Amino acid sequence: MPDDIPAAQRRLRARGLATMERLVQAGLDVFATIGYNDARVDDVVARSGDSHGTFYLYFGNKDDLLLTLAFRCADEMVDLARELPVIDAGPAGVRQLRTWLDRFLTIHERYLGVIRAWMESHVADERLADFGRTVLGDFAVALMARLAEVDREPDIPVELRATALLALLERCSYIVATEGRLACPRLLDTLAPMLHRGFFQPSGRPPLRPLVARATR
């Protein structure tokens, strides 16, 4: 730390990080419960217990807070895509996929208000739009790396398979998180075998009918 920083500011640095994190968590809660369009800075500071002046020390406005949350969400999502393991072609692969999907849905639920604003174009901010396209591209590239390892039909490009998988994951998790149509365990028990059979089993391998039947009862 540079010597010319006043001692009082040095003592505040750790506390400042804690304050920013408190505002970030309040923003997540407010955007998820009220919605980005209707949310105000008043709502965020009321949830965090801070003043307006404190909020504006860290964020220019609620768009700036949303962008900060979007960066966090993107980092977690891209890291998760890169951590998708080599999926086994047998029953162990369904369990691997279920564990990974559970993490995917957890991140989606945590950032629901951010993702909803992002997907519904509630913010006229080209930075957010450009960033969204970059994140989806990075996520798709990570998925392609895993799908390329599966001996599927050669006439279906891996890019198309990755796009289809990403679209299915994003839309399904968005609808479920927004409308609560399925409990998470039921969704995982249904989705994991389905995606395993459709994307991660080599061509010509018999489908795992008993496992699918058990998972969807």
Foldseek 3Di string as FASTA:
>chain_A
DDPPDDPVVVVCPVVLVVLVVLLLQLLLVCLLPVNPVPDAVVSSCVNSVHDPVSVVVPAVGVVRSLVVVVVVLLVQLLVLLLPQDQADQDPSSLVSQLVSLVSVLVSCLSNVSSVVCLVVVVDPDVVSVVVVVVSLVSSLVSNLVNLVVAAADPVQDSSNVSVVVSVVSVVVSNCCSNPVPDDSQLCSLQPSLVCSVVGPHHPPDDRPVVSNVVSND
